[in-house]
Structures are given as C-alpha cells and as structure tokens.
Amino acid sequence: MSPPTILVIEDDACVRTLLAQILEDAGYQTYEATNGREGLERFRVQPMDLVITDLEMPEMNGLDLILELTRAFLNVKVIAMSGHSHDELQTARLLGARQTFAKPLDLPMLLRAVQYELLH
C-alpha cells in the first residue's frame, strides 16, 4: 500500500522544505507548490489525500485556494496555517479548512492533525 499523499503549499521555501521533510520522515509522500495557483493546478492533475496551505501567498492566496478546492473537490481535506491574522484562520474554516494553525507552528500538534485527518 502506498503512503498517503500530502500537498504542501507555502511561499516561504524554508518553511515548505521543513514541512515536507517532517512529513516524509513521518512516512507520508509529499509534493510541494510555491503558491495557491500552482497548488491548485497540481491538485487538479493529481488529487492528494491532504492539502496543507499557507494563507498569505502571492498569485493566489490560501483563502481563494480553499474556496476553489472545496468547490471543485467536495471531499478535499485542507489544513490551513497563517502567521498573520486569527480572523483569516476563522475565514479559512468557514470556507472548508478542516483545521487551522497559527505560525509559528506546533509541529507535534500539526502531525497529530495530519494523522487524524487522514484517518477520518
């Protein structure tokens, strides 16, 4: 059986690489995108088991991405993260994000959330 697939969408290369590495170390197959538009295109070509996205990004922000994903893929699972505004995280939930996290991330908590979402 192949490992669950996770798309990490984050414009900060250091954060994106760190998240991908931590998820791969936990046994997941990860894919990366640098902004919402790239992430949406990648997901359309190859739907993933889970999407982890930042909210503040160039070209297409995370809120627009979540709206597009949940419109096109009814069962998509999204975890949103932001270092900016608590209101943005609440909006992300309203648009369909299953869980939200403020930055800096609590990595053990994020990994538990990933595991939970992939099982439910």
PDB file of N, CA and C in Angstrom:
ATOM      1  N   MET A   1       0.843  -1.183   0.000  1.00  0.00           N
ATOM      2  CA  MET A   1       0.000   0.000   0.000  1.00  0.00           C
ATOM      3  C   MET A   1       0.888   1.246   0.000  1.00  0.00           C
ATOM      4  N   SER A   2       0.570   2.195  -0.864  1.00  0.00           N
ATOM      5  CA  SER A   2       1.391   3.397  -0.947  1.00  0.00           C
ATOM      6  C   SER A   2       1.045   4.362   0.184  1.00  0.00           C
ATOM      7  N   PRO A   3       2.015   5.178   0.594  1.00  0.00           N
ATOM      8  CA  PRO A   3       1.767   6.114   1.703  1.00  0.00           C
ATOM      9  C   PRO A   3       0.786   7.206   1.288  1.00  0.00           C
ATOM     10  N   PRO A   4       0.077   7.801   2.264  1.00  0.00           N
ATOM     11  CA  PRO A   4      -0.821   8.920   1.960  1.00  0.00           C
ATOM     12  C   PRO A   4      -0.042  10.071   1.328  1.00  0.00           C
ATOM     13  N   THR A   5      -0.713  10.799   0.437  1.00  0.00           N
ATOM     14  CA  THR A   5      -0.082  11.915  -0.259  1.00  0.00           C
ATOM     15  C   THR A   5      -0.528  13.243   0.333  1.00  0.00           C
ATOM     16  N   ILE A   6       0.422  14.152   0.485  1.00  0.00           N
ATOM     17  CA  ILE A   6       0.155  15.466   1.065  1.00  0.00           C
ATOM     18  C   ILE A   6       0.786  16.531   0.178  1.00  0.00           C
ATOM     19  N   LEU A   7      -0.018  17.533  -0.167  1.00  0.00           N
ATOM     20  CA  LEU A   7       0.466  18.681  -0.925  1.00  0.00           C
ATOM     21  C   LEU A   7       0.705  19.834   0.041  1.00  0.00           C
ATOM     22  N   VAL A   8       1.953  20.304   0.114  1.00  0.00           N
ATOM     23  CA  VAL A   8       2.323  21.431   0.972  1.00  0.00           C
ATOM     24  C   VAL A   8       2.432  22.669   0.092  1.00  0.00           C
ATOM     25  N   ILE A   9       1.583  23.664   0.365  1.00  0.00           N
ATOM     26  CA  ILE A   9       1.579  24.902  -0.416  1.00  0.00           C
ATOM     27  C   ILE A   9       2.007  26.043   0.499  1.00  0.00           C
ATOM     28  N   GLU A  10       3.190  26.580   0.216  1.00  0.00           N
ATOM     29  CA  GLU A  10       3.800  27.592   1.085  1.00  0.00           C
ATOM     30  C   GLU A  10       4.807  28.373   0.259  1.00  0.00           C
ATOM     31  N   ASP A  11       4.703  29.717   0.299  1.00  0.00           N
ATOM     32  CA  ASP A  11       5.631  30.529  -0.495  1.00  0.00           C
ATOM     33  C   ASP A  11       7.006  30.668   0.134  1.00  0.00           C
ATOM     34  N   ASP A  12       7.137  30.459   1.434  1.00  0.00           N
ATOM     35  CA  ASP A  12       8.432  30.527   2.113  1.00  0.00           C
ATOM     36  C   ASP A  12       9.140  29.179   1.932  1.00  0.00           C
ATOM     37  N   ALA A  13      10.204  29.181   1.125  1.00  0.00           N
ATOM     38  CA  ALA A  13      10.893  27.937   0.780  1.00  0.00           C
ATOM     39  C   ALA A  13      11.404  27.185   2.007  1.00  0.00           C
ATOM     40  N   CYS A  14      11.898  27.906   3.009  1.00  0.00           N
ATOM     41  CA  CYS A  14      12.424  27.247   4.210  1.00  0.00           C
ATOM     42  C   CYS A  14      11.320  26.504   4.949  1.00  0.00           C
ATOM     43  N   VAL A  15      10.181  27.159   5.133  1.00  0.00           N
ATOM     44  CA  VAL A  15       9.048  26.539   5.829  1.00  0.00           C
ATOM     45  C   VAL A  15       8.521  25.359   5.013  1.00  0.00           C
ATOM     46  N   ARG A  16       8.387  25.545   3.704  1.00  0.00           N
ATOM     47  CA  ARG A  16       7.866  24.491   2.824  1.00  0.00           C
ATOM     48  C   ARG A  16       8.762  23.249   2.879  1.00  0.00           C
ATOM     49  N   THR A  17      10.069  23.459   2.766  1.00  0.00           N
ATOM     50  CA  THR A  17      11.019  22.344   2.788  1.00  0.00           C
ATOM     51  C   THR A  17      11.005  21.641   4.143  1.00  0.00           C
ATOM     52  N   LEU A  18      10.966  22.409   5.219  1.00  0.00           N
ATOM     53  CA  LEU A  18      10.928  21.833   6.566  1.00  0.00           C
ATOM     54  C   LEU A  18       9.676  20.975   6.749  1.00  0.00           C
ATOM     55  N   LEU A  19       8.519  21.510   6.362  1.00  0.00           N
ATOM     56  CA  LEU A  19       7.270  20.747   6.500  1.00  0.00           C
ATOM     57  C   LEU A  19       7.315  19.463   5.669  1.00  0.00           C
ATOM     58  N   ALA A  20       7.770  19.576   4.438  1.00  0.00           N
ATOM     59  CA  ALA A  20       7.846  18.399   3.578  1.00  0.00           C
ATOM     60  C   ALA A  20       8.761  17.339   4.197  1.00  0.00           C
ATOM     61  N   GLN A  21       9.896  17.762   4.735  1.00  0.00           N
ATOM     62  CA  GLN A  21      10.843  16.818   5.331  1.00  0.00           C
ATOM     63  C   GLN A  21      10.248  16.141   6.564  1.00  0.00           C
ATOM     64  N   ILE A  22       9.596  16.912   7.411  1.00  0.00           N
ATOM     65  CA  ILE A  22       8.986  16.349   8.629  1.00  0.00           C
ATOM     66  C   ILE A  22       7.888  15.349   8.257  1.00  0.00           C
ATOM     67  N   LEU A  23       7.095  15.699   7.256  1.00  0.00           N
ATOM     68  CA  LEU A  23       6.015  14.803   6.818  1.00  0.00           C
ATOM     69  C   LEU A  23       6.576  13.532   6.176  1.00  0.00           C
ATOM     70  N   GLU A  24       7.637  13.672   5.388  1.00  0.00           N
ATOM     71  CA  GLU A  24       8.262  12.493   4.780  1.00  0.00           C
ATOM     72  C   GLU A  24       8.877  11.598   5.847  1.00  0.00           C
ATOM     73  N   ASP A  25       9.508  12.213   6.855  1.00  0.00           N
ATOM     74  CA  ASP A  25      10.073  11.442   7.963  1.00  0.00           C
ATOM     75  C   ASP A  25       8.987  10.672   8.717  1.00  0.00           C
ATOM     76  N   ALA A  26       7.751  11.210   8.700  1.00  0.00           N
ATOM     77  CA  ALA A  26       6.621  10.561   9.368  1.00  0.00           C
ATOM     78  C   ALA A  26       5.963   9.509   8.471  1.00  0.00           C
ATOM     79  N   GLY A  27       6.500   9.336   7.248  1.00  0.00           N
ATOM     80  CA  GLY A  27       6.002   8.276   6.386  1.00  0.00           C
ATOM     81  C   GLY A  27       5.043   8.689   5.291  1.00  0.00           C
ATOM     82  N   TYR A  28       4.902   9.978   5.057  1.00  0.00           N
ATOM     83  CA  TYR A  28       3.979  10.458   4.023  1.00  0.00           C
ATOM     84  C   TYR A  28       4.730  10.795   2.740  1.00  0.00           C
ATOM     85  N   GLN A  29       4.032  10.717   1.616  1.00  0.00           N
ATOM     86  CA  GLN A  29       4.573  11.140   0.321  1.00  0.00           C
ATOM     87  C   GLN A  29       4.182  12.602   0.130  1.00  0.00           C
ATOM     88  N   THR A  30       5.144  13.495  -0.004  1.00  0.00           N
ATOM     89  CA  THR A  30       4.825  14.915  -0.099  1.00  0.00           C
ATOM     90  C   THR A  30       5.118  15.481  -1.476  1.00  0.00           C
ATOM     91  N   TYR A  31       4.334  16.488  -1.802  1.00  0.00           N
ATOM     92  CA  TYR A  31       4.509  17.270  -3.023  1.00  0.00           C
ATOM     93  C   TYR A  31       4.471  18.724  -2.589  1.00  0.00           C
ATOM     94  N   GLU A  32       5.119  19.599  -3.360  1.00  0.00           N
ATOM     95  CA  GLU A  32       5.220  20.994  -2.949  1.00  0.00           C
ATOM     96  C   GLU A  32       4.741  21.938  -4.043  1.00  0.00           C
ATOM     97  N   ALA A  33       4.211  23.083  -3.604  1.00  0.00           N
ATOM     98  CA  ALA A  33       3.836  24.171  -4.503  1.00  0.00           C
ATOM     99  C   ALA A  33       4.175  25.478  -3.803  1.00  0.00           C
ATOM    100  N   THR A  34       4.545  26.490  -4.610  1.00  0.00           N
ATOM    101  CA  THR A  34       5.011  27.751  -4.030  1.00  0.00           C
ATOM    102  C   THR A  34       3.919  28.796  -3.846  1.00  0.00           C
ATOM    103  N   ASN A  35       2.733  28.559  -4.432  1.00  0.00           N
ATOM    104  CA  ASN A  35       1.623  29.499  -4.233  1.00  0.00           C
ATOM    105  C   ASN A  35       0.311  28.785  -4.528  1.00  0.00           C
ATOM    106  N   GLY A  36      -0.797  29.458  -4.267  1.00  0.00           N
ATOM    107  CA  GLY A  36      -2.108  28.847  -4.427  1.00  0.00           C
ATOM    108  C   GLY A  36      -2.416  28.416  -5.850  1.00  0.00           C
ATOM    109  N   ARG A  37      -2.025  29.222  -6.814  1.00  0.00           N
ATOM    110  CA  ARG A  37      -2.308  28.884  -8.214  1.00  0.00           C
ATOM    111  C   ARG A  37      -1.572  27.603  -8.622  1.00  0.00           C
ATOM    112  N   GLU A  38      -0.299  27.534  -8.284  1.00  0.00           N
ATOM    113  CA  GLU A  38       0.487  26.339  -8.595  1.00  0.00           C
ATOM    114  C   GLU A  38      -0.080  25.114  -7.858  1.00  0.00           C
ATOM    115  N   GLY A  39      -0.457  25.317  -6.612  1.00  0.00           N
ATOM    116  CA  GLY A  39      -1.018  24.221  -5.822  1.00  0.00           C
ATOM    117  C   GLY A  39      -2.333  23.706  -6.399  1.00  0.00           C
ATOM    118  N   LEU A  40      -3.193  24.625  -6.824  1.00  0.00           N
ATOM    119  CA  LEU A  40      -4.472  24.242  -7.410  1.00  0.00           C
ATOM    120  C   LEU A  40      -4.252  23.447  -8.704  1.00  0.00           C
ATOM    121  N   GLU A  41      -3.345  23.927  -9.551  1.00  0.00           N
ATOM    122  CA  GLU A  41      -3.050  23.220 -10.805  1.00  0.00           C
ATOM    123  C   GLU A  41      -2.500  21.824 -10.516  1.00  0.00           C
ATOM    124  N   ARG A  42      -1.616  21.735  -9.554  1.00  0.00           N
ATOM    125  CA  ARG A  42      -1.023  20.436  -9.202  1.00  0.00           C
ATOM    126  C   ARG A  42      -2.086  19.476  -8.671  1.00  0.00           C
ATOM    127  N   PHE A  43      -2.999  19.989  -7.836  1.00  0.00           N
ATOM    128  CA  PHE A  43      -4.057  19.150  -7.255  1.00  0.00           C
ATOM    129  C   PHE A  43      -5.029  18.682  -8.337  1.00  0.00           C
ATOM    130  N   ARG A  44      -5.312  19.558  -9.305  1.00  0.00           N
ATOM    131  CA  ARG A  44      -6.216  19.167 -10.397  1.00  0.00           C
ATOM    132  C   ARG A  44      -5.634  18.027 -11.226  1.00  0.00           C
ATOM    133  N   VAL A  45      -4.318  18.046 -11.438  1.00  0.00           N
ATOM    134  CA  VAL A  45      -3.651  16.997 -12.209  1.00  0.00           C
ATOM    135  C   VAL A  45      -3.580  15.703 -11.390  1.00  0.00           C
ATOM    136  N   GLN A  46      -3.277  15.841 -10.105  1.00  0.00           N
ATOM    137  CA  GLN A  46      -3.124  14.678  -9.235  1.00  0.00           C
ATOM    138  C   GLN A  46      -3.709  14.999  -7.857  1.00  0.00           C
ATOM    139  N   PRO A  47      -4.985  14.671  -7.634  1.00  0.00           N
ATOM    140  CA  PRO A  47      -5.570  14.918  -6.301  1.00  0.00           C
ATOM    141  C   PRO A  47      -4.783  14.187  -5.206  1.00  0.00           C
ATOM    142  N   MET A  48      -4.635  14.866  -4.083  1.00  0.00           N
ATOM    143  CA  MET A  48      -3.872  14.332  -2.950  1.00  0.00           C
ATOM    144  C   MET A  48      -4.832  13.960  -1.823  1.00  0.00           C
ATOM    145  N   ASP A  49      -4.306  13.225  -0.857  1.00  0.00           N
ATOM    146  CA  ASP A  49      -5.112  12.840   0.301  1.00  0.00           C
ATOM    147  C   ASP A  49      -5.335  14.018   1.246  1.00  0.00           C
ATOM    148  N   LEU A  50      -4.409  14.983   1.261  1.00  0.00           N
ATOM    149  CA  LEU A  50      -4.487  16.119   2.175  1.00  0.00           C
ATOM    150  C   LEU A  50      -3.718  17.296   1.580  1.00  0.00           C
ATOM    151  N   VAL A  51      -4.212  18.502   1.839  1.00  0.00           N
ATOM    152  CA  VAL A  51      -3.525  19.732   1.443  1.00  0.00           C
ATOM    153  C   VAL A  51      -3.223  20.528   2.705  1.00  0.00           C
ATOM    154  N   ILE A  52      -1.985  20.967   2.841  1.00  0.00           N
ATOM    155  CA  ILE A  52      -1.607  21.896   3.911  1.00  0.00           C
ATOM    156  C   ILE A  52      -1.204  23.184   3.215  1.00  0.00           C
ATOM    157  N   THR A  53      -1.899  24.272   3.523  1.00  0.00           N
ATOM    158  CA  THR A  53      -1.620  25.517   2.816  1.00  0.00           C
ATOM    159  C   THR A  53      -1.458  26.701   3.752  1.00  0.00           C
ATOM    160  N   ASP A  54      -0.539  27.572   3.350  1.00  0.00           N
ATOM    161  CA  ASP A  54      -0.413  28.878   3.983  1.00  0.00           C
ATOM    162  C   ASP A  54      -1.551  29.740   3.455  1.00  0.00           C
ATOM    163  N   LEU A  55      -1.887  30.797   4.148  1.00  0.00           N
ATOM    164  CA  LEU A  55      -2.952  31.683   3.681  1.00  0.00           C
ATOM    165  C   LEU A  55      -2.417  32.901   2.950  1.00  0.00           C
ATOM    166  N   GLU A  56      -1.272  33.413   3.368  1.00  0.00           N
ATOM    167  CA  GLU A  56      -0.689  34.607   2.743  1.00  0.00           C
ATOM    168  C   GLU A  56       0.345  34.199   1.708  1.00  0.00           C
ATOM    169  N   MET A  57      -0.046  34.273   0.424  1.00  0.00           N
ATOM    170  CA  MET A  57       0.870  33.895  -0.661  1.00  0.00           C
ATOM    171  C   MET A  57       0.604  34.782  -1.869  1.00  0.00           C
ATOM    172  N   PRO A  58       1.620  34.935  -2.734  1.00  0.00           N
ATOM    173  CA  PRO A  58       1.414  35.691  -3.982  1.00  0.00           C
ATOM    174  C   PRO A  58       0.595  34.873  -4.990  1.00  0.00           C
ATOM    175  N   GLU A  59       0.122  35.544  -6.005  1.00  0.00           N
ATOM    176  CA  GLU A  59      -0.647  34.980  -7.122  1.00  0.00           C
ATOM    177  C   GLU A  59      -2.044  34.508  -6.732  1.00  0.00           C
ATOM    178  N   MET A  60      -2.156  33.560  -5.815  1.00  0.00           N
ATOM    179  CA  MET A  60      -3.453  33.145  -5.300  1.00  0.00           C
ATOM    180  C   MET A  60      -3.275  32.831  -3.825  1.00  0.00           C
ATOM    181  N   ASN A  61      -4.000  33.562  -2.968  1.00  0.00           N
ATOM    182  CA  ASN A  61      -3.827  33.327  -1.542  1.00  0.00           C
ATOM    183  C   ASN A  61      -4.546  32.049  -1.103  1.00  0.00           C
ATOM    184  N   GLY A  62      -4.299  31.656   0.129  1.00  0.00           N
ATOM    185  CA  GLY A  62      -4.850  30.411   0.647  1.00  0.00           C
ATOM    186  C   GLY A  62      -6.363  30.392   0.744  1.00  0.00           C
ATOM    187  N   LEU A  63      -6.977  31.535   1.045  1.00  0.00           N
ATOM    188  CA  LEU A  63      -8.445  31.582   1.135  1.00  0.00           C
ATOM    189  C   LEU A  63      -9.079  31.315  -0.228  1.00  0.00           C
ATOM    190  N   ASP A  64      -8.546  31.955  -1.271  1.00  0.00           N
ATOM    191  CA  ASP A  64      -9.060  31.703  -2.623  1.00  0.00           C
ATOM    192  C   ASP A  64      -8.812  30.249  -3.031  1.00  0.00           C
ATOM    193  N   LEU A  65      -7.668  29.723  -2.665  1.00  0.00           N
ATOM    194  CA  LEU A  65      -7.343  28.328  -2.965  1.00  0.00           C
ATOM    195  C   LEU A  65      -8.347  27.384  -2.304  1.00  0.00           C
ATOM    196  N   ILE A  66      -8.617  27.591  -1.013  1.00  0.00           N
ATOM    197  CA  ILE A  66      -9.555  26.727  -0.292  1.00  0.00           C
ATOM    198  C   ILE A  66     -10.934  26.792  -0.949  1.00  0.00           C
ATOM    199  N   LEU A  67     -11.363  27.996  -1.311  1.00  0.00           N
ATOM    200  CA  LEU A  67     -12.653  28.164  -1.969  1.00  0.00           C
ATOM    201  C   LEU A  67     -12.699  27.367  -3.276  1.00  0.00           C
ATOM    202  N   GLU A  68     -11.671  27.483  -4.090  1.00  0.00           N
ATOM    203  CA  GLU A  68     -11.610  26.759  -5.370  1.00  0.00           C
ATOM    204  C   GLU A  68     -11.559  25.243  -5.151  1.00  0.00           C
ATOM    205  N   LEU A  69     -10.738  24.799  -4.220  1.00  0.00           N
ATOM    206  CA  LEU A  69     -10.607  23.358  -3.967  1.00  0.00           C
ATOM    207  C   LEU A  69     -11.918  22.752  -3.473  1.00  0.00           C
ATOM    208  N   THR A  70     -12.554  23.414  -2.504  1.00  0.00           N
ATOM    209  CA  THR A  70     -13.781  22.844  -1.938  1.00  0.00           C
ATOM    210  C   THR A  70     -14.938  22.912  -2.920  1.00  0.00           C
ATOM    211  N   ARG A  71     -14.879  23.828  -3.851  1.00  0.00           N
ATOM    212  CA  ARG A  71     -15.892  23.915  -4.902  1.00  0.00           C
ATOM    213  C   ARG A  71     -15.743  22.776  -5.908  1.00  0.00           C
ATOM    214  N   ALA A  72     -14.501  22.505  -6.296  1.00  0.00           N
ATOM    215  CA  ALA A  72     -14.229  21.515  -7.342  1.00  0.00           C
ATOM    216  C   ALA A  72     -14.112  20.082  -6.810  1.00  0.00           C
ATOM    217  N   PHE A  73     -13.680  19.936  -5.563  1.00  0.00           N
ATOM    218  CA  PHE A  73     -13.452  18.611  -4.976  1.00  0.00           C
ATOM    219  C   PHE A  73     -14.164  18.563  -3.622  1.00  0.00           C
ATOM    220  N   LEU A  74     -15.343  17.969  -3.608  1.00  0.00           N
ATOM    221  CA  LEU A  74     -16.198  18.015  -2.413  1.00  0.00           C
ATOM    222  C   LEU A  74     -15.562  17.404  -1.174  1.00  0.00           C
ATOM    223  N   ASN A  75     -14.743  16.367  -1.338  1.00  0.00           N
ATOM    224  CA  ASN A  75     -14.182  15.673  -0.180  1.00  0.00           C
ATOM    225  C   ASN A  75     -12.739  16.059   0.131  1.00  0.00           C
ATOM    226  N   VAL A  76     -12.278  17.174  -0.440  1.00  0.00           N
ATOM    227  CA  VAL A  76     -10.894  17.582  -0.205  1.00  0.00           C
ATOM    228  C   VAL A  76     -10.680  17.877   1.287  1.00  0.00           C
ATOM    229  N   LYS A  77      -9.515  17.487   1.770  1.00  0.00           N
ATOM    230  CA  LYS A  77      -9.138  17.737   3.168  1.00  0.00           C
ATOM    231  C   LYS A  77      -8.045  18.787   3.175  1.00  0.00           C
ATOM    232  N   VAL A  78      -8.308  19.906   3.874  1.00  0.00           N
ATOM    233  CA  VAL A  78      -7.367  21.030   3.902  1.00  0.00           C
ATOM    234  C   VAL A  78      -7.055  21.419   5.340  1.00  0.00           C
ATOM    235  N   ILE A  79      -5.780  21.620   5.601  1.00  0.00           N
ATOM    236  CA  ILE A  79      -5.313  22.228   6.851  1.00  0.00           C
ATOM    237  C   ILE A  79      -4.686  23.558   6.458  1.00  0.00           C
ATOM    238  N   ALA A  80      -5.137  24.647   7.090  1.00  0.00           N
ATOM    239  CA  ALA A  80      -4.633  25.989   6.774  1.00  0.00           C
ATOM    240  C   ALA A  80      -3.741  26.491   7.901  1.00  0.00           C
ATOM    241  N   MET A  81      -2.760  27.322   7.511  1.00  0.00           N
ATOM    242  CA  MET A  81      -1.855  27.920   8.509  1.00  0.00           C
ATOM    243  C   MET A  81      -1.582  29.365   8.129  1.00  0.00           C
ATOM    244  N   SER A  82      -1.385  30.189   9.156  1.00  0.00           N
ATOM    245  CA  SER A  82      -1.096  31.598   8.903  1.00  0.00           C
ATOM    246  C   SER A  82      -0.340  32.197  10.073  1.00  0.00           C
ATOM    247  N   GLY A  83       0.572  33.070   9.736  1.00  0.00           N
ATOM    248  CA  GLY A  83       1.299  33.798  10.763  1.00  0.00           C
ATOM    249  C   GLY A  83       0.768  35.213  10.917  1.00  0.00           C
ATOM    250  N   HIS A  84      -0.334  35.511  10.250  1.00  0.00           N
ATOM    251  CA  HIS A  84      -0.819  36.881  10.225  1.00  0.00           C
ATOM    252  C   HIS A  84      -2.038  37.110  11.118  1.00  0.00           C
ATOM    253  N   SER A  85      -3.171  36.625  10.710  1.00  0.00           N
ATOM    254  CA  SER A  85      -4.387  37.050  11.378  1.00  0.00           C
ATOM    255  C   SER A  85      -5.254  35.881  11.824  1.00  0.00           C
ATOM    256  N   HIS A  86      -5.736  35.960  13.045  1.00  0.00           N
ATOM    257  CA  HIS A  86      -6.657  34.952  13.569  1.00  0.00           C
ATOM    258  C   HIS A  86      -7.963  34.968  12.775  1.00  0.00           C
ATOM    259  N   ASP A  87      -8.375  36.151  12.323  1.00  0.00           N
ATOM    260  CA  ASP A  87      -9.600  36.256  11.521  1.00  0.00           C
ATOM    261  C   ASP A  87      -9.486  35.459  10.230  1.00  0.00           C
ATOM    262  N   GLU A  88      -8.299  35.495   9.631  1.00  0.00           N
ATOM    263  CA  GLU A  88      -8.066  34.728   8.398  1.00  0.00           C
ATOM    264  C   GLU A  88      -8.242  33.236   8.651  1.00  0.00           C
ATOM    265  N   LEU A  89      -7.754  32.764   9.771  1.00  0.00           N
ATOM    266  CA  LEU A  89      -7.881  31.345  10.100  1.00  0.00           C
ATOM    267  C   LEU A  89      -9.350  30.976  10.295  1.00  0.00           C
ATOM    268  N   GLN A  90     -10.112  31.853  10.923  1.00  0.00           N
ATOM    269  CA  GLN A  90     -11.547  31.601  11.086  1.00  0.00           C
ATOM    270  C   GLN A  90     -12.243  31.571   9.729  1.00  0.00           C
ATOM    271  N   THR A  91     -11.878  32.480   8.843  1.00  0.00           N
ATOM    272  CA  THR A  91     -12.450  32.501   7.492  1.00  0.00           C
ATOM    273  C   THR A  91     -12.084  31.217   6.758  1.00  0.00           C
ATOM    274  N   ALA A  92     -10.858  30.756   6.916  1.00  0.00           N
ATOM    275  CA  ALA A  92     -10.428  29.506   6.271  1.00  0.00           C
ATOM    276  C   ALA A  92     -11.316  28.344   6.708  1.00  0.00           C
ATOM    277  N   ARG A  93     -11.656  28.301   7.985  1.00  0.00           N
ATOM    278  CA  ARG A  93     -12.555  27.249   8.483  1.00  0.00           C
ATOM    279  C   ARG A  93     -13.935  27.357   7.838  1.00  0.00           C
ATOM    280  N   LEU A  94     -14.421  28.578   7.738  1.00  0.00           N
ATOM    281  CA  LEU A  94     -15.735  28.787   7.123  1.00  0.00           C
ATOM    282  C   LEU A  94     -15.740  28.352   5.657  1.00  0.00           C
ATOM    283  N   LEU A  95     -14.616  28.490   4.984  1.00  0.00           N
ATOM    284  CA  LEU A  95     -14.514  28.124   3.567  1.00  0.00           C
ATOM    285  C   LEU A  95     -14.252  26.635   3.359  1.00  0.00           C
ATOM    286  N   GLY A  96     -13.971  25.914   4.438  1.00  0.00           N
ATOM    287  CA  GLY A  96     -13.814  24.472   4.294  1.00  0.00           C
ATOM    288  C   GLY A  96     -12.551  23.855   4.859  1.00  0.00           C
ATOM    289  N   ALA A  97     -11.650  24.655   5.423  1.00  0.00           N
ATOM    290  CA  ALA A  97     -10.461  24.066   6.054  1.00  0.00           C
ATOM    291  C   ALA A  97     -10.912  23.259   7.269  1.00  0.00           C
ATOM    292  N   ARG A  98     -10.416  22.051   7.392  1.00  0.00           N
ATOM    293  CA  ARG A  98     -10.821  21.190   8.498  1.00  0.00           C
ATOM    294  C   ARG A  98     -10.141  21.587   9.807  1.00  0.00           C
ATOM    295  N   GLN A  99      -8.899  22.057   9.696  1.00  0.00           N
ATOM    296  CA  GLN A  99      -8.167  22.503  10.875  1.00  0.00           C
ATOM    297  C   GLN A  99      -7.315  23.701  10.478  1.00  0.00           C
ATOM    298  N   THR A 100      -7.009  24.530  11.474  1.00  0.00           N
ATOM    299  CA  THR A 100      -6.183  25.706  11.222  1.00  0.00           C
ATOM    300  C   THR A 100      -5.106  25.819  12.295  1.00  0.00           C
ATOM    301  N   PHE A 101      -3.980  26.389  11.891  1.00  0.00           N
ATOM    302  CA  PHE A 101      -2.850  26.554  12.800  1.00  0.00           C
ATOM    303  C   PHE A 101      -2.226  27.924  12.618  1.00  0.00           C
ATOM    304  N   ALA A 102      -1.913  28.553  13.745  1.00  0.00           N
ATOM    305  CA  ALA A 102      -1.184  29.817  13.718  1.00  0.00           C
ATOM    306  C   ALA A 102       0.309  29.501  13.667  1.00  0.00           C
ATOM    307  N   LYS A 103       1.043  30.358  12.973  1.00  0.00           N
ATOM    308  CA  LYS A 103       2.504  30.250  12.957  1.00  0.00           C
ATOM    309  C   LYS A 103       3.050  31.104  14.088  1.00  0.00           C
ATOM    310  N   PRO A 104       4.167  30.746  14.699  1.00  0.00           N
ATOM    311  CA  PRO A 104       4.965  29.564  14.406  1.00  0.00           C
ATOM    312  C   PRO A 104       4.206  28.281  14.755  1.00  0.00           C
ATOM    313  N   LEU A 105       4.419  27.260  13.940  1.00  0.00           N
ATOM    314  CA  LEU A 105       3.680  26.007  14.058  1.00  0.00           C
ATOM    315  C   LEU A 105       4.153  25.175  15.237  1.00  0.00           C
ATOM    316  N   ASP A 106       3.198  24.519  15.868  1.00  0.00           N
ATOM    317  CA  ASP A 106       3.483  23.489  16.859  1.00  0.00           C
ATOM    318  C   ASP A 106       3.544  22.188  16.052  1.00  0.00           C
ATOM    319  N   LEU A 107       4.754  21.755  15.693  1.00  0.00           N
ATOM    320  CA  LEU A 107       4.909  20.629  14.767  1.00  0.00           C
ATOM    321  C   LEU A 107       4.316  19.314  15.277  1.00  0.00           C
ATOM    322  N   PRO A 108       4.500  18.946  16.552  1.00  0.00           N
ATOM    323  CA  PRO A 108       3.852  17.708  17.016  1.00  0.00           C
ATOM    324  C   PRO A 108       2.310  17.791  16.908  1.00  0.00           C
ATOM    325  N   MET A 109       1.748  18.957  17.188  1.00  0.00           N
ATOM    326  CA  MET A 109       0.306  19.128  17.074  1.00  0.00           C
ATOM    327  C   MET A 109      -0.134  19.040  15.607  1.00  0.00           C
ATOM    328  N   LEU A 110       0.659  19.631  14.711  1.00  0.00           N
ATOM    329  CA  LEU A 110       0.349  19.562  13.285  1.00  0.00           C
ATOM    330  C   LEU A 110       0.392  18.108  12.802  1.00  0.00           C
ATOM    331  N   LEU A 111       1.395  17.354  13.218  1.00  0.00           N
ATOM    332  CA  LEU A 111       1.495  15.949  12.819  1.00  0.00           C
ATOM    333  C   LEU A 111       0.306  15.137  13.334  1.00  0.00           C
ATOM    334  N   ARG A 112      -0.160  15.422  14.540  1.00  0.00           N
ATOM    335  CA  ARG A 112      -1.355  14.731  15.059  1.00  0.00           C
ATOM    336  C   ARG A 112      -2.583  15.091  14.229  1.00  0.00           C
ATOM    337  N   ALA A 113      -2.685  16.360  13.825  1.00  0.00           N
ATOM    338  CA  ALA A 113      -3.811  16.798  12.995  1.00  0.00           C
ATOM    339  C   ALA A 113      -3.773  16.112  11.631  1.00  0.00           C
ATOM    340  N   VAL A 114      -2.590  15.986  11.045  1.00  0.00           N
ATOM    341  CA  VAL A 114      -2.428  15.307   9.757  1.00  0.00           C
ATOM    342  C   VAL A 114      -2.884  13.856   9.892  1.00  0.00           C
ATOM    343  N   GLN A 115      -2.400  13.189  10.920  1.00  0.00           N
ATOM    344  CA  GLN A 115      -2.764  11.790  11.141  1.00  0.00           C
ATOM    345  C   GLN A 115      -4.281  11.650  11.313  1.00  0.00           C
ATOM    346  N   TYR A 116      -4.871  12.529  12.101  1.00  0.00           N
ATOM    347  CA  TYR A 116      -6.311  12.497  12.339  1.00  0.00           C
ATOM    348  C   TYR A 116      -7.079  12.665  11.024  1.00  0.00           C
ATOM    349  N   GLU A 117      -6.721  13.675  10.248  1.00  0.00           N
ATOM    350  CA  GLU A 117      -7.444  13.954   9.009  1.00  0.00           C
ATOM    351  C   GLU A 117      -7.324  12.816   8.006  1.00  0.00           C
ATOM    352  N   LEU A 118      -6.189  12.181   7.951  1.00  0.00           N
ATOM    353  CA  LEU A 118      -6.005  11.091   7.006  1.00  0.00           C
ATOM    354  C   LEU A 118      -6.777   9.841   7.411  1.00  0.00           C
ATOM    355  N   LEU A 119      -7.087   9.713   8.690  1.00  0.00           N
ATOM    356  CA  LEU A 119      -7.857   8.563   9.162  1.00  0.00           C
ATOM    357  C   LEU A 119      -9.367   8.795   9.106  1.00  0.00           C
ATOM    358  N   HIS A 120      -9.793  10.062   9.042  1.00  0.00           N
ATOM    359  CA  HIS A 120     -11.239  10.362   9.096  1.00  0.00           C
ATOM    360  C   HIS A 120     -11.754  10.975   7.818  1.00  0.00           C
TER     361      HIS A 120
END
